[in-house]
N, C-alpha and C. Protein backbone atom coordinates (compact mmCIF):
# COMPACT_ATOMS: atom_id res chain seq x y z
N MET A 1 72.71 69.92 146.44
CA MET A 1 72.68 70.28 147.84
C MET A 1 73.45 69.23 148.63
N ASP A 2 74.20 69.68 149.62
CA ASP A 2 74.90 68.71 150.45
C ASP A 2 74.03 68.33 151.66
N ILE A 3 74.49 67.37 152.42
CA ILE A 3 73.69 66.85 153.53
C ILE A 3 73.44 67.91 154.59
N GLY A 4 74.45 68.72 154.88
CA GLY A 4 74.28 69.79 155.86
C GLY A 4 73.22 70.79 155.44
N GLN A 5 73.22 71.15 154.16
CA GLN A 5 72.20 72.06 153.65
C GLN A 5 70.81 71.42 153.77
N ALA A 6 70.73 70.14 153.46
CA ALA A 6 69.46 69.43 153.56
C ALA A 6 68.95 69.46 155.00
N GLN A 7 69.85 69.23 155.95
CA GLN A 7 69.43 69.25 157.34
C GLN A 7 68.90 70.63 157.75
N LEU A 8 69.55 71.69 157.28
CA LEU A 8 69.08 73.04 157.60
C LEU A 8 67.73 73.34 156.96
N LEU A 9 67.57 72.95 155.70
CA LEU A 9 66.31 73.21 155.00
C LEU A 9 65.15 72.45 155.64
N VAL A 10 65.38 71.19 155.97
CA VAL A 10 64.34 70.39 156.61
C VAL A 10 64.01 70.98 157.98
N ASP A 11 65.02 71.36 158.74
CA ASP A 11 64.79 71.93 160.06
C ASP A 11 63.95 73.20 159.95
N ASP A 12 64.28 74.06 159.02
CA ASP A 12 63.53 75.29 158.81
C ASP A 12 62.08 74.98 158.46
N TRP A 13 61.88 74.03 157.54
CA TRP A 13 60.52 73.68 157.13
C TRP A 13 59.72 73.13 158.31
N ILE A 14 60.33 72.22 159.05
CA ILE A 14 59.65 71.60 160.19
C ILE A 14 59.26 72.66 161.23
N ARG A 15 60.19 73.54 161.55
CA ARG A 15 59.92 74.57 162.58
C ARG A 15 58.82 75.53 162.13
N ASN A 16 58.68 75.75 160.83
CA ASN A 16 57.64 76.63 160.31
C ASN A 16 56.33 75.91 160.01
N ASN A 17 56.29 74.62 160.27
CA ASN A 17 55.09 73.83 159.98
C ASN A 17 54.69 72.94 161.16
N GLY A 18 54.78 73.47 162.35
CA GLY A 18 54.26 72.75 163.51
C GLY A 18 55.28 72.09 164.40
N GLY A 19 56.54 72.04 163.99
CA GLY A 19 57.58 71.45 164.82
C GLY A 19 57.73 69.94 164.63
N TYR A 20 58.73 69.41 165.28
CA TYR A 20 59.05 67.99 165.17
C TYR A 20 58.03 67.15 165.94
N TRP A 21 57.70 66.01 165.38
CA TRP A 21 56.88 65.05 166.11
C TRP A 21 57.73 64.42 167.19
N ASP A 22 57.10 63.71 168.11
CA ASP A 22 57.86 63.01 169.15
C ASP A 22 58.70 61.90 168.51
N GLU A 23 59.68 61.44 169.25
CA GLU A 23 60.65 60.47 168.74
C GLU A 23 60.00 59.21 168.19
N MET A 24 59.09 58.63 168.92
CA MET A 24 58.47 57.38 168.47
C MET A 24 57.65 57.59 167.20
N SER A 25 56.94 58.70 167.11
CA SER A 25 56.16 58.97 165.91
C SER A 25 57.05 59.12 164.69
N LEU A 26 58.19 59.78 164.86
CA LEU A 26 59.12 59.92 163.73
C LEU A 26 59.69 58.56 163.32
N MET A 27 60.04 57.73 164.30
CA MET A 27 60.58 56.41 163.97
C MET A 27 59.54 55.57 163.24
N LEU A 28 58.31 55.63 163.70
CA LEU A 28 57.25 54.87 163.03
C LEU A 28 56.99 55.42 161.64
N ARG A 29 57.12 56.72 161.48
CA ARG A 29 56.97 57.32 160.15
C ARG A 29 58.07 56.83 159.22
N LEU A 30 59.29 56.68 159.74
CA LEU A 30 60.38 56.13 158.93
C LEU A 30 60.04 54.71 158.50
N CYS A 31 59.51 53.92 159.41
CA CYS A 31 59.09 52.55 159.07
C CYS A 31 58.02 52.57 157.99
N GLU A 32 57.06 53.47 158.12
CA GLU A 32 55.98 53.59 157.14
C GLU A 32 56.53 53.94 155.75
N GLU A 33 57.40 54.95 155.71
CA GLU A 33 57.95 55.38 154.42
C GLU A 33 58.86 54.31 153.81
N THR A 34 59.62 53.62 154.66
CA THR A 34 60.46 52.53 154.17
C THR A 34 59.59 51.41 153.60
N GLY A 35 58.46 51.15 154.25
CA GLY A 35 57.53 50.15 153.75
C GLY A 35 56.96 50.53 152.38
N GLU A 36 56.67 51.81 152.19
CA GLU A 36 56.17 52.26 150.89
C GLU A 36 57.23 52.07 149.80
N LEU A 37 58.47 52.35 150.14
CA LEU A 37 59.57 52.13 149.18
C LEU A 37 59.71 50.64 148.89
N ALA A 38 59.65 49.82 149.92
CA ALA A 38 59.76 48.37 149.74
C ALA A 38 58.61 47.84 148.89
N ARG A 39 57.43 48.36 149.11
CA ARG A 39 56.26 47.93 148.33
C ARG A 39 56.46 48.24 146.85
N GLU A 40 56.96 49.44 146.57
CA GLU A 40 57.19 49.81 145.17
C GLU A 40 58.26 48.92 144.54
N TYR A 41 59.32 48.64 145.29
CA TYR A 41 60.36 47.73 144.78
C TYR A 41 59.77 46.35 144.51
N ASN A 42 58.93 45.87 145.41
CA ASN A 42 58.33 44.56 145.23
C ASN A 42 57.44 44.53 143.99
N HIS A 43 56.71 45.60 143.76
CA HIS A 43 55.88 45.67 142.56
C HIS A 43 56.72 45.68 141.28
N ARG A 44 57.81 46.40 141.31
CA ARG A 44 58.65 46.53 140.11
C ARG A 44 59.57 45.35 139.87
N PHE A 45 60.16 44.86 140.94
CA PHE A 45 61.23 43.87 140.77
C PHE A 45 60.94 42.54 141.45
N GLY A 46 59.91 42.48 142.26
CA GLY A 46 59.60 41.28 143.01
C GLY A 46 58.46 40.50 142.40
N ALA A 47 57.93 39.60 143.18
CA ALA A 47 56.90 38.68 142.70
C ALA A 47 55.48 39.20 142.91
N LYS A 48 55.33 40.39 143.47
CA LYS A 48 53.99 40.89 143.79
C LYS A 48 53.57 41.99 142.81
N PRO A 49 52.74 41.66 141.85
CA PRO A 49 52.28 42.70 140.91
C PRO A 49 51.29 43.64 141.58
N LYS A 50 51.19 44.82 141.03
CA LYS A 50 50.24 45.80 141.55
C LYS A 50 48.82 45.40 141.22
N LYS A 51 47.91 45.84 142.08
CA LYS A 51 46.49 45.70 141.78
C LYS A 51 46.14 46.76 140.73
N GLY A 52 45.11 46.51 139.98
CA GLY A 52 44.69 47.47 138.97
C GLY A 52 44.32 48.83 139.56
N SER A 53 43.91 48.84 140.81
CA SER A 53 43.49 50.08 141.46
C SER A 53 44.66 50.90 142.02
N GLU A 54 45.87 50.31 142.03
CA GLU A 54 47.02 51.01 142.59
C GLU A 54 47.71 51.85 141.54
N GLY A 55 47.97 53.09 141.88
CA GLY A 55 48.66 53.98 140.96
C GLY A 55 50.16 53.77 140.95
N GLU A 56 50.78 54.32 139.95
CA GLU A 56 52.24 54.23 139.79
C GLU A 56 52.91 55.19 140.78
N GLN A 57 53.91 54.73 141.47
CA GLN A 57 54.70 55.56 142.38
C GLN A 57 56.10 55.71 141.81
N GLU A 58 56.71 56.82 142.08
CA GLU A 58 58.08 57.06 141.64
C GLU A 58 59.06 56.59 142.72
N LEU A 59 60.04 55.81 142.31
CA LEU A 59 61.05 55.37 143.28
C LEU A 59 61.76 56.57 143.90
N ALA A 60 62.08 57.56 143.09
CA ALA A 60 62.79 58.74 143.60
C ALA A 60 61.96 59.45 144.66
N GLU A 61 60.66 59.55 144.45
CA GLU A 61 59.79 60.20 145.43
C GLU A 61 59.75 59.41 146.73
N GLU A 62 59.66 58.09 146.62
CA GLU A 62 59.64 57.25 147.83
C GLU A 62 60.96 57.35 148.58
N MET A 63 62.07 57.36 147.84
CA MET A 63 63.38 57.52 148.48
C MET A 63 63.50 58.88 149.14
N GLY A 64 62.98 59.91 148.48
CA GLY A 64 62.99 61.25 149.06
C GLY A 64 62.21 61.31 150.36
N ASP A 65 61.09 60.60 150.42
CA ASP A 65 60.30 60.56 151.65
C ASP A 65 61.08 59.90 152.79
N VAL A 66 61.77 58.82 152.48
CA VAL A 66 62.59 58.13 153.50
C VAL A 66 63.70 59.06 153.97
N LEU A 67 64.35 59.73 153.03
CA LEU A 67 65.46 60.63 153.37
C LEU A 67 64.97 61.80 154.22
N PHE A 68 63.81 62.35 153.88
CA PHE A 68 63.25 63.47 154.64
C PHE A 68 63.06 63.08 156.11
N ILE A 69 62.47 61.93 156.34
CA ILE A 69 62.23 61.49 157.72
C ILE A 69 63.54 61.16 158.42
N LEU A 70 64.48 60.57 157.72
CA LEU A 70 65.79 60.29 158.31
C LEU A 70 66.47 61.59 158.74
N VAL A 71 66.37 62.61 157.91
CA VAL A 71 66.92 63.92 158.26
C VAL A 71 66.20 64.48 159.50
N CYS A 72 64.89 64.31 159.55
CA CYS A 72 64.15 64.76 160.74
C CYS A 72 64.66 64.07 162.00
N LEU A 73 64.85 62.76 161.93
CA LEU A 73 65.35 62.01 163.08
C LEU A 73 66.73 62.52 163.51
N ALA A 74 67.60 62.73 162.53
CA ALA A 74 68.95 63.21 162.83
C ALA A 74 68.89 64.60 163.46
N ASN A 75 68.10 65.49 162.88
CA ASN A 75 67.99 66.84 163.43
C ASN A 75 67.47 66.81 164.86
N GLN A 76 66.47 66.02 165.09
CA GLN A 76 65.86 65.95 166.41
C GLN A 76 66.87 65.48 167.46
N GLN A 77 67.78 64.60 167.06
CA GLN A 77 68.77 64.03 167.98
C GLN A 77 70.11 64.77 167.95
N GLY A 78 70.20 65.84 167.15
CA GLY A 78 71.44 66.61 167.08
C GLY A 78 72.57 65.87 166.38
N ILE A 79 72.23 65.03 165.41
CA ILE A 79 73.22 64.24 164.68
C ILE A 79 73.55 64.92 163.36
N ASP A 80 74.82 65.09 163.10
CA ASP A 80 75.29 65.62 161.82
C ASP A 80 75.38 64.43 160.86
N LEU A 81 74.50 64.39 159.89
CA LEU A 81 74.46 63.25 158.98
C LEU A 81 75.71 63.15 158.11
N GLY A 82 76.35 64.26 157.82
CA GLY A 82 77.61 64.21 157.08
C GLY A 82 78.66 63.44 157.86
N ASP A 83 78.78 63.75 159.15
CA ASP A 83 79.72 63.01 160.01
C ASP A 83 79.32 61.55 160.13
N ALA A 84 78.03 61.30 160.28
CA ALA A 84 77.55 59.92 160.41
C ALA A 84 77.87 59.12 159.16
N LEU A 85 77.67 59.72 157.99
CA LEU A 85 77.96 59.03 156.73
C LEU A 85 79.46 58.79 156.58
N ASN A 86 80.28 59.77 156.96
CA ASN A 86 81.73 59.58 156.90
C ASN A 86 82.18 58.43 157.78
N LYS A 87 81.60 58.32 158.98
CA LYS A 87 81.95 57.21 159.88
C LYS A 87 81.53 55.88 159.28
N SER A 88 80.38 55.86 158.65
CA SER A 88 79.91 54.62 158.02
C SER A 88 80.80 54.23 156.85
N LEU A 89 81.18 55.21 156.04
CA LEU A 89 82.08 54.93 154.92
C LEU A 89 83.43 54.42 155.41
N ASP A 90 83.94 55.04 156.48
CA ASP A 90 85.20 54.60 157.05
C ASP A 90 85.09 53.16 157.55
N LYS A 91 84.00 52.86 158.20
CA LYS A 91 83.77 51.50 158.70
C LYS A 91 83.74 50.50 157.55
N ASN A 92 83.07 50.88 156.48
CA ASN A 92 82.97 49.97 155.33
C ASN A 92 84.29 49.81 154.59
N THR A 93 85.12 50.83 154.61
CA THR A 93 86.40 50.72 153.90
C THR A 93 87.50 50.12 154.76
N THR A 94 87.31 50.07 156.07
CA THR A 94 88.34 49.46 156.93
C THR A 94 87.88 48.11 157.45
N ARG A 95 86.89 48.11 158.30
CA ARG A 95 86.43 46.85 158.92
C ARG A 95 85.94 45.85 157.88
N ASP A 96 85.20 46.32 156.91
CA ASP A 96 84.59 45.41 155.94
C ASP A 96 85.35 45.30 154.63
N ARG A 97 86.58 45.80 154.61
CA ARG A 97 87.38 45.74 153.39
C ARG A 97 87.55 44.29 152.94
N GLY A 98 87.19 44.01 151.70
CA GLY A 98 87.34 42.68 151.14
C GLY A 98 86.28 41.69 151.56
N ARG A 99 85.36 42.12 152.39
CA ARG A 99 84.34 41.20 152.92
C ARG A 99 83.50 40.56 151.81
N TRP A 100 83.18 41.33 150.79
CA TRP A 100 82.33 40.81 149.73
C TRP A 100 83.11 40.45 148.46
N THR A 101 84.34 40.90 148.37
CA THR A 101 85.14 40.63 147.17
C THR A 101 86.12 39.50 147.38
N GLY A 102 86.35 39.11 148.64
CA GLY A 102 87.32 38.08 148.93
C GLY A 102 88.74 38.60 149.02
N GLU A 103 88.92 39.92 148.75
CA GLU A 103 90.23 40.55 148.87
C GLU A 103 90.44 40.97 150.32
N SER A 104 91.70 40.97 150.74
CA SER A 104 91.95 41.44 152.11
C SER A 104 92.88 42.60 152.14
């Protein structure tokens, strides 16, 4: 599925399940989901082991949750994520060219 299709599917689901939350609630939800992804990364790759009572989480599922909310934010604001990603890629290939490799 491409990003545009994802935006349409999420929009359809949201509209059929109560509508979009207000802007601040969606932003805080993004923070919450990003925190869950960060927690899982910390458990797997960082210095903080899981408690015995904590279940295993899938990285893909946590990333999917972050992406879902990001799509909600974009839809709510009328942002085409495909265009946004293209602009970001362009910025990284022009402005930041060689920034990390030492090449100019």
